[in-house]
C-alpha atoms as a PDB file:
ATOM      1  CA  MET A   1     160.030 165.303 -72.140  1.00  0.00           C
ATOM      2  CA  SER A   2     161.088 168.975 -72.157  1.00  0.00           C
ATOM      3  CA  ALA A   3     161.065 171.079 -69.012  1.00  0.00           C
ATOM      4  CA  PRO A   4     157.899 173.086 -68.371  1.00  0.00           C
ATOM      5  CA  THR A   5     157.825 176.771 -69.277  1.00  0.00           C
ATOM      6  CA  ARG A   6     158.364 178.917 -66.182  1.00  0.00           C
ATOM      7  CA  LEU A   7     155.600 181.527 -65.808  1.00  0.00           C
ATOM      8  CA  LEU A   8     155.248 184.713 -63.823  1.00  0.00           C
ATOM      9  CA  ILE A   9     151.599 185.685 -63.346  1.00  0.00           C
ATOM     10  CA  HIS A  10     151.305 189.457 -62.832  1.00  0.00           C
ATOM     11  CA  GLY A  11     147.920 190.454 -61.445  1.00  0.00           C
ATOM     12  CA  ALA A  12     147.428 187.068 -59.816  1.00  0.00           C
ATOM     13  CA  SER A  13     144.583 188.170 -57.535  1.00  0.00           C
ATOM     14  CA  GLY A  14     142.325 189.270 -60.404  1.00  0.00           C
ATOM     15  CA  ARG A  15     139.851 187.104 -62.317  1.00  0.00           C
ATOM     16  CA  MET A  16     142.263 186.452 -65.164  1.00  0.00           C
ATOM     17  CA  GLY A  17     145.149 185.775 -62.816  1.00  0.00           C
ATOM     18  CA  GLN A  18     143.075 183.304 -60.821  1.00  0.00           C
ATOM     19  CA  ALA A  19     141.957 181.553 -64.011  1.00  0.00           C
ATOM     20  CA  LEU A  20     145.560 181.259 -65.202  1.00  0.00           C
ATOM     21  CA  LEU A  21     146.673 179.777 -61.880  1.00  0.00           C
ATOM     22  CA  ARG A  22     143.855 177.233 -62.070  1.00  0.00           C
ATOM     23  CA  LEU A  23     144.564 176.271 -65.687  1.00  0.00           C
ATOM     24  CA  CYS A  24     148.285 175.825 -65.007  1.00  0.00           C
ATOM     25  CA  GLU A  25     147.576 173.348 -62.207  1.00  0.00           C
ATOM     26  CA  ASP A  26     146.560 170.739 -64.782  1.00  0.00           C
ATOM     27  CA  ASN A  27     148.977 171.687 -67.565  1.00  0.00           C
ATOM     28  CA  PRO A  28     152.366 169.907 -67.433  1.00  0.00           C
ATOM     29  CA  ALA A  29     153.728 172.290 -70.089  1.00  0.00           C
ATOM     30  CA  CYS A  30     153.865 175.179 -67.624  1.00  0.00           C
ATOM     31  CA  ALA A  31     154.963 175.887 -64.066  1.00  0.00           C
ATOM     32  CA  VAL A  32     154.086 179.071 -62.186  1.00  0.00           C
ATOM     33  CA  VAL A  33     157.252 180.169 -60.381  1.00  0.00           C
ATOM     34  CA  ALA A  34     155.871 183.501 -59.167  1.00  0.00           C
ATOM     35  CA  ALA A  35     152.426 185.050 -58.670  1.00  0.00           C
ATOM     36  CA  VAL A  36     152.464 188.823 -58.202  1.00  0.00           C
ATOM     37  CA  THR A  37     149.662 190.785 -56.531  1.00  0.00           C
ATOM     38  CA  GLN A  38     149.223 194.509 -55.992  1.00  0.00           C
ATOM     39  CA  ARG A  39     149.184 194.233 -52.204  1.00  0.00           C
ATOM     40  CA  SER A  40     151.244 192.087 -49.869  1.00  0.00           C
ATOM     41  CA  PRO A  41     149.924 188.508 -50.067  1.00  0.00           C
ATOM     42  CA  ALA A  42     148.161 186.994 -47.065  1.00  0.00           C
ATOM     43  CA  GLN A  43     150.075 183.758 -47.716  1.00  0.00           C
ATOM     44  CA  ARG A  44     153.542 183.469 -49.176  1.00  0.00           C
ATOM     45  CA  VAL A  45     152.934 180.090 -50.789  1.00  0.00           C
ATOM     46  CA  VAL A  46     149.567 178.863 -52.061  1.00  0.00           C
ATOM     47  CA  ASP A  47     149.290 175.378 -53.594  1.00  0.00           C
ATOM     48  CA  GLY A  48     153.027 175.374 -54.141  1.00  0.00           C
ATOM     49  CA  VAL A  49     153.107 178.763 -55.917  1.00  0.00           C
ATOM     50  CA  PRO A  50     155.237 181.554 -54.359  1.00  0.00           C
ATOM     51  CA  PHE A  51     153.388 184.877 -54.036  1.00  0.00           C
ATOM     52  CA  PHE A  52     155.013 188.323 -54.155  1.00  0.00           C
ATOM     53  CA  ALA A  53     153.755 191.869 -53.713  1.00  0.00           C
ATOM     54  CA  ALA A  54     154.220 194.234 -56.661  1.00  0.00           C
ATOM     55  CA  SER A  55     156.770 196.142 -54.582  1.00  0.00           C
ATOM     56  CA  GLU A  56     158.869 192.944 -54.476  1.00  0.00           C
ATOM     57  CA  LEU A  57     158.852 192.399 -58.234  1.00  0.00           C
ATOM     58  CA  ALA A  58     162.632 192.670 -58.617  1.00  0.00           C
ATOM     59  CA  ALA A  59     163.072 189.717 -56.237  1.00  0.00           C
ATOM     60  CA  VAL A  60     161.050 187.145 -58.202  1.00  0.00           C
ATOM     61  CA  PRO A  61     162.944 184.025 -59.336  1.00  0.00           C
ATOM     62  CA  ALA A  62     163.978 183.332 -62.918  1.00  0.00           C
ATOM     63  CA  PHE A  63     161.086 182.895 -65.357  1.00  0.00           C
ATOM     64  CA  ASP A  64     160.674 182.353 -69.107  1.00  0.00           C
ATOM     65  CA  VAL A  65     157.593 184.498 -69.772  1.00  0.00           C
ATOM     66  CA  ALA A  66     155.373 186.876 -67.825  1.00  0.00           C
ATOM     67  CA  ILE A  67     151.604 186.945 -68.298  1.00  0.00           C
ATOM     68  CA  ASP A  68     150.190 190.294 -67.239  1.00  0.00           C
ATOM     69  CA  PHE A  69     146.571 191.162 -66.500  1.00  0.00           C
ATOM     70  CA  SER A  70     146.927 193.988 -64.014  1.00  0.00           C
ATOM     71  CA  LEU A  71     146.602 197.783 -63.941  1.00  0.00           C
ATOM     72  CA  PRO A  72     148.496 200.473 -65.881  1.00  0.00           C
ATOM     73  CA  ALA A  73     150.126 201.655 -62.646  1.00  0.00           C
ATOM     74  CA  GLY A  74     152.022 198.383 -62.326  1.00  0.00           C
ATOM     75  CA  PHE A  75     152.792 197.862 -65.999  1.00  0.00           C
ATOM     76  CA  ASP A  76     155.998 199.903 -66.287  1.00  0.00           C
ATOM     77  CA  ALA A  77     157.891 197.949 -63.635  1.00  0.00           C
ATOM     78  CA  LEU A  78     156.984 194.601 -65.194  1.00  0.00           C
ATOM     79  CA  LEU A  79     157.924 195.713 -68.702  1.00  0.00           C
ATOM     80  CA  GLU A  80     161.278 196.949 -67.431  1.00  0.00           C
ATOM     81  CA  LEU A  81     161.911 193.686 -65.569  1.00  0.00           C
ATOM     82  CA  CYS A  82     161.191 191.617 -68.698  1.00  0.00           C
ATOM     83  CA  ARG A  83     163.401 193.882 -70.782  1.00  0.00           C
ATOM     84  CA  LYS A  84     166.296 193.678 -68.310  1.00  0.00           C
ATOM     85  CA  ARG A  85     166.065 189.910 -67.981  1.00  0.00           C
ATOM     86  CA  GLY A  86     165.476 189.368 -71.717  1.00  0.00           C
ATOM     87  CA  VAL A  87     162.303 187.326 -71.235  1.00  0.00           C
ATOM     88  CA  ALA A  88     159.004 187.258 -73.098  1.00  0.00           C
ATOM     89  CA  LEU A  89     155.894 189.208 -72.100  1.00  0.00           C
ATOM     90  CA  VAL A  90     152.209 188.557 -72.737  1.00  0.00           C
ATOM     91  CA  SER A  91     149.995 191.437 -71.607  1.00  0.00           C
ATOM     92  CA  GLY A  92     146.288 192.098 -71.644  1.00  0.00           C
ATOM     93  CA  THR A  93     146.410 195.152 -69.381  1.00  0.00           C
ATOM     94  CA  THR A  94     144.173 197.848 -70.835  1.00  0.00           C
ATOM     95  CA  GLY A  95     144.160 201.612 -70.336  1.00  0.00           C
ATOM     96  CA  LEU A  96     147.844 202.085 -71.194  1.00  0.00           C
ATOM     97  CA  ASP A  97     148.751 205.682 -71.995  1.00  0.00           C
ATOM     98  CA  GLU A  98     150.736 206.862 -75.000  1.00  0.00           C
ATOM     99  CA  ALA A  99     154.058 206.752 -73.163  1.00  0.00           C
ATOM    100  CA  GLN A 100     153.443 203.158 -72.096  1.00  0.00           C
ATOM    101  CA  ARG A 101     152.517 202.144 -75.633  1.00  0.00           C
ATOM    102  CA  LEU A 102     155.724 203.707 -76.921  1.00  0.00           C
ATOM    103  CA  ALA A 103     157.702 201.861 -74.240  1.00  0.00           C
ATOM    104  CA  LEU A 104     156.012 198.628 -75.304  1.00  0.00           C
ATOM    105  CA  ALA A 105     156.993 199.221 -78.927  1.00  0.00           C
ATOM    106  CA  ALA A 106     160.572 199.976 -77.907  1.00  0.00           C
ATOM    107  CA  ALA A 107     160.752 196.817 -75.782  1.00  0.00           C
ATOM    108  CA  ALA A 108     159.693 194.744 -78.786  1.00  0.00           C
ATOM    109  CA  THR A 109     163.114 195.419 -80.295  1.00  0.00           C
ATOM    110  CA  ARG A 110     164.661 193.592 -77.316  1.00  0.00           C
ATOM    111  CA  ILE A 111     162.173 190.861 -76.333  1.00  0.00           C
ATOM    112  CA  PRO A 112     159.294 188.910 -77.901  1.00  0.00           C
ATOM    113  CA  LEU A 113     155.969 190.253 -76.659  1.00  0.00           C
ATOM    114  CA  VAL A 114     152.235 190.225 -77.240  1.00  0.00           C
ATOM    115  CA  TRP A 115     149.756 192.873 -76.182  1.00  0.00           C
ATOM    116  CA  ALA A 116     146.098 192.269 -77.009  1.00  0.00           C
ATOM    117  CA  SER A 117     142.720 193.591 -75.913  1.00  0.00           C
ATOM    118  CA  ASN A 118     141.254 190.104 -76.289  1.00  0.00           C
ATOM    119  CA  PHE A 119     143.091 186.776 -76.028  1.00  0.00           C
ATOM    120  CA  SER A 120     140.339 184.565 -77.399  1.00  0.00           C
ATOM    121  CA  LEU A 121     141.737 182.401 -80.193  1.00  0.00           C
ATOM    122  CA  GLY A 122     138.367 182.627 -81.934  1.00  0.00           C
ATOM    123  CA  VAL A 123     138.512 186.429 -81.891  1.00  0.00           C
ATOM    124  CA  ALA A 124     142.022 186.269 -83.372  1.00  0.00           C
ATOM    125  CA  VAL A 125     140.619 184.327 -86.318  1.00  0.00           C
ATOM    126  CA  LEU A 126     137.630 186.693 -86.490  1.00  0.00           C
ATOM    127  CA  ALA A 127     139.967 189.693 -86.776  1.00  0.00           C
ATOM    128  CA  GLU A 128     141.723 188.106 -89.743  1.00  0.00           C
ATOM    129  CA  LEU A 129     138.410 187.297 -91.430  1.00  0.00           C
ATOM    130  CA  VAL A 130     137.214 190.886 -90.908  1.00  0.00           C
ATOM    131  CA  GLU A 131     140.279 192.269 -92.649  1.00  0.00           C
ATOM    132  CA  ARG A 132     139.890 189.840 -95.538  1.00  0.00           C
ATOM    133  CA  ALA A 133     136.196 190.713 -95.925  1.00  0.00           C
ATOM    134  CA  ALA A 134     136.865 194.461 -95.801  1.00  0.00           C
ATOM    135  CA  ALA A 135     139.528 194.125 -98.501  1.00  0.00           C
ATOM    136  CA  ALA A 136     137.243 191.997-100.693  1.00  0.00           C
ATOM    137  CA  LEU A 137     134.105 194.133-100.247  1.00  0.00           C
ATOM    138  CA  PRO A 138     135.080 197.770-100.858  1.00  0.00           C
ATOM    139  CA  GLY A 139     132.249 200.263-100.496  1.00  0.00           C
ATOM    140  CA  TRP A 140     130.113 198.044 -98.255  1.00  0.00           C
ATOM    141  CA  ASP A 141     128.740 199.406 -94.995  1.00  0.00           C
ATOM    142  CA  VAL A 142     130.536 197.968 -91.947  1.00  0.00           C
ATOM    143  CA  ASP A 143     128.973 197.871 -88.484  1.00  0.00           C
ATOM    144  CA  VAL A 144     130.516 196.416 -85.352  1.00  0.00           C
ATOM    145  CA  VAL A 145     127.903 195.445 -82.755  1.00  0.00           C
ATOM    146  CA  GLU A 146     129.090 194.291 -79.338  1.00  0.00           C
ATOM    147  CA  ALA A 147     127.323 193.145 -76.160  1.00  0.00           C
ATOM    148  CA  HIS A 148     128.763 192.745 -72.653  1.00  0.00           C
ATOM    149  CA  HIS A 149     127.628 192.451 -69.044  1.00  0.00           C
ATOM    150  CA  ALA A 150     125.899 195.387 -67.382  1.00  0.00           C
ATOM    151  CA  GLN A 151     128.941 196.322 -65.278  1.00  0.00           C
ATOM    152  CA  LYS A 152     131.272 196.935 -68.215  1.00  0.00           C
ATOM    153  CA  LYS A 153     131.812 200.685 -68.456  1.00  0.00           C
ATOM    154  CA  ASP A 154     133.784 201.251 -71.660  1.00  0.00           C
ATOM    155  CA  ALA A 155     131.871 201.299 -74.925  1.00  0.00           C
ATOM    156  CA  PRO A 156     132.646 200.332 -77.605  1.00  0.00           C
ATOM    157  CA  SER A 157     134.730 197.525 -76.161  1.00  0.00           C
ATOM    158  CA  GLY A 158     138.442 197.339 -76.871  1.00  0.00           C
ATOM    159  CA  THR A 159     137.827 194.256 -78.992  1.00  0.00           C
ATOM    160  CA  ALA A 160     135.173 196.060 -81.029  1.00  0.00           C
ATOM    161  CA  LEU A 161     137.578 198.916 -81.687  1.00  0.00           C
ATOM    162  CA  THR A 162     140.316 196.475 -82.714  1.00  0.00           C
ATOM    163  CA  LEU A 163     137.964 194.742 -85.147  1.00  0.00           C
ATOM    164  CA  GLY A 164     136.838 198.091 -86.535  1.00  0.00           C
ATOM    165  CA  GLU A 165     140.414 199.278 -86.958  1.00  0.00           C
ATOM    166  CA  GLY A 166     141.156 196.125 -88.945  1.00  0.00           C
ATOM    167  CA  ALA A 167     138.291 196.892 -91.343  1.00  0.00           C
ATOM    168  CA  ALA A 168     139.254 200.577 -91.522  1.00  0.00           C
ATOM    169  CA  SER A 169     142.809 199.643 -92.493  1.00  0.00           C
ATOM    170  CA  HIS A 170     141.311 198.405 -95.780  1.00  0.00           C
ATOM    171  CA  GLY A 171     139.323 201.577 -96.413  1.00  0.00           C
ATOM    172  CA  ALA A 172     136.038 200.717 -94.686  1.00  0.00           C
ATOM    173  CA  LYS A 173     134.026 203.335 -92.819  1.00  0.00           C
ATOM    174  CA  VAL A 174     132.998 201.687 -89.561  1.00  0.00           C
ATOM    175  CA  ALA A 175     130.049 202.366 -87.244  1.00  0.00           C
ATOM    176  CA  TYR A 176     129.705 200.944 -83.731  1.00  0.00           C
ATOM    177  CA  ALA A 177     126.844 199.903 -81.485  1.00  0.00           C
ATOM    178  CA  SER A 178     127.073 198.671 -77.882  1.00  0.00           C
ATOM    179  CA  LEU A 179     124.736 196.800 -75.537  1.00  0.00           C
ATOM    180  CA  ARG A 180     125.239 196.381 -71.783  1.00  0.00           C
ATOM    181  CA  ALA A 181     122.934 193.834 -70.176  1.00  0.00           C
ATOM    182  CA  GLY A 182     122.846 191.034 -67.624  1.00  0.00           C
ATOM    183  CA  ASP A 183     125.903 188.801 -67.378  1.00  0.00           C
ATOM    184  CA  ILE A 184     126.854 188.578 -71.071  1.00  0.00           C
ATOM    185  CA  VAL A 185     130.517 187.557 -71.213  1.00  0.00           C
ATOM    186  CA  GLY A 186     131.111 189.023 -74.655  1.00  0.00           C
ATOM    187  CA  GLU A 187     129.562 188.982 -78.123  1.00  0.00           C
ATOM    188  CA  HIS A 188     130.914 190.675 -81.239  1.00  0.00           C
ATOM    189  CA  THR A 189     129.222 190.869 -84.620  1.00  0.00           C
ATOM    190  CA  VAL A 190     130.836 192.518 -87.637  1.00  0.00           C
ATOM    191  CA  GLN A 191     128.213 193.157 -90.306  1.00  0.00           C
ATOM    192  CA  PHE A 192     129.048 193.922 -93.937  1.00  0.00           C
ATOM    193  CA  THR A 193     126.055 195.233 -95.898  1.00  0.00           C
ATOM    194  CA  GLY A 194     125.929 195.685 -99.644  1.00  0.00           C
ATOM    195  CA  LEU A 195     123.093 196.118-102.131  1.00  0.00           C
ATOM    196  CA  GLY A 196     120.734 193.190-101.640  1.00  0.00           C
ATOM    197  CA  GLU A 197     123.029 191.143 -99.405  1.00  0.00           C
ATOM    198  CA  ARG A 198     124.564 191.061 -95.953  1.00  0.00           C
ATOM    199  CA  LEU A 199     127.484 189.176 -94.424  1.00  0.00           C
ATOM    200  CA  GLU A 200     127.793 188.682 -90.652  1.00  0.00           C
ATOM    201  CA  LEU A 201     130.877 187.466 -88.816  1.00  0.00           C
ATOM    202  CA  VAL A 202     130.072 186.584 -85.196  1.00  0.00           C
ATOM    203  CA  HIS A 203     131.956 185.496 -82.090  1.00  0.00           C
ATOM    204  CA  ARG A 204     130.277 184.641 -78.774  1.00  0.00           C
ATOM    205  CA  ALA A 205     132.194 183.999 -75.563  1.00  0.00           C
ATOM    206  CA  GLY A 206     130.531 181.585 -73.161  1.00  0.00           C
ATOM    207  CA  SER A 207     133.195 181.650 -70.446  1.00  0.00           C
ATOM    208  CA  ARG A 208     135.962 184.017 -69.347  1.00  0.00           C
ATOM    209  CA  ASP A 209     138.294 181.011 -69.256  1.00  0.00           C
ATOM    210  CA  ILE A 210     138.704 181.316 -73.023  1.00  0.00           C
ATOM    211  CA  PHE A 211     140.746 184.483 -72.513  1.00  0.00           C
ATOM    212  CA  ALA A 212     143.027 182.811 -69.975  1.00  0.00           C
ATOM    213  CA  ARG A 213     143.454 179.795 -72.262  1.00  0.00           C
ATOM    214  CA  GLY A 214     144.355 182.088 -75.142  1.00  0.00           C
ATOM    215  CA  ALA A 215     146.916 183.986 -73.068  1.00  0.00           C
ATOM    216  CA  LEU A 216     148.481 180.724 -71.911  1.00  0.00           C
ATOM    217  CA  HIS A 217     148.530 179.448 -75.505  1.00  0.00           C
ATOM    218  CA  ALA A 218     150.333 182.629 -76.585  1.00  0.00           C
ATOM    219  CA  ALA A 219     152.819 182.489 -73.702  1.00  0.00           C
ATOM    220  CA  LEU A 220     153.861 178.910 -74.382  1.00  0.00           C
ATOM    221  CA  ARG A 221     154.444 179.679 -78.071  1.00  0.00           C
ATOM    222  CA  LEU A 222     156.164 183.021 -77.559  1.00  0.00           C
ATOM    223  CA  VAL A 223     159.164 181.725 -75.612  1.00  0.00           C
ATOM    224  CA  GLY A 224     162.234 181.335 -77.791  1.00  0.00           C
ATOM    225  CA  ARG A 225     160.996 183.535 -80.632  1.00  0.00           C
ATOM    226  CA  PRO A 226     163.018 186.507 -81.901  1.00  0.00           C
ATOM    227  CA  PRO A 227     162.266 189.942 -80.409  1.00  0.00           C
ATOM    228  CA  ALA A 228     159.152 191.482 -82.015  1.00  0.00           C
ATOM    229  CA  ALA A 229     155.606 192.573 -81.282  1.00  0.00           C
ATOM    230  CA  TYR A 230     153.474 189.557 -82.141  1.00  0.00           C
ATOM    231  CA  ARG A 231     149.731 189.220 -82.649  1.00  0.00           C
ATOM    232  CA  ILE A 232     147.679 186.320 -81.350  1.00  0.00           C
ATOM    233  CA  ARG A 233     147.132 185.178 -84.923  1.00  0.00           C
ATOM    234  CA  ASP A 234     150.909 184.909 -85.375  1.00  0.00           C
ATOM    235  CA  LEU A 235     150.956 182.273 -82.636  1.00  0.00           C
ATOM    236  CA  LEU A 236     148.038 180.084 -83.647  1.00  0.00           C
ATOM    237  CA  ASP A 237     150.110 177.289 -85.205  1.00  0.00           C
END
């Protein structure tokens, strides 16, 4: 049996970080060697996992891949650490500015990495289907309709924009609609409408754990690959 993949969880106090810590407890393929939080941790070791403050990032032990769901303010230091140590990075941190996106692209020449607005494996397949449909149905109207919980502020969602960009890359003109209500985890519908017919591609998320599972799936398959910027769909097999 091969040794487990050593993970650094960056943003460990957030919902995604907590989900990743929980999922790794029951997964023999991975071992969390460091959990990093923005502020100094109340406990240094929790359930066998060492915790570090973001200011202590340089002192974390050796790891194979970092999974990052934090804030843009902490992103630069983590990216630089992964680049210096030559280890893989999986990031779902949103709100990166242009300079950070350029730094991410530059780092992809040195390390394997994934950045995605949505780590659902189902959404990864949906994105591929959207591009195929847009290429096969030129001239059709394309609408991306998304629904999320009432507290979500950005609209359209990052996932909706990613899906729309995929359709637009094949010449489609895309319109967006957003709904904010209740505790909806996430629903995305991409509608293609032609004369006398309509095609709908739909994904519904029932639990936020799907995003943590997808990020963990990507991390375990990213280690050992050549330096490049990968998509979730590149890591499905």
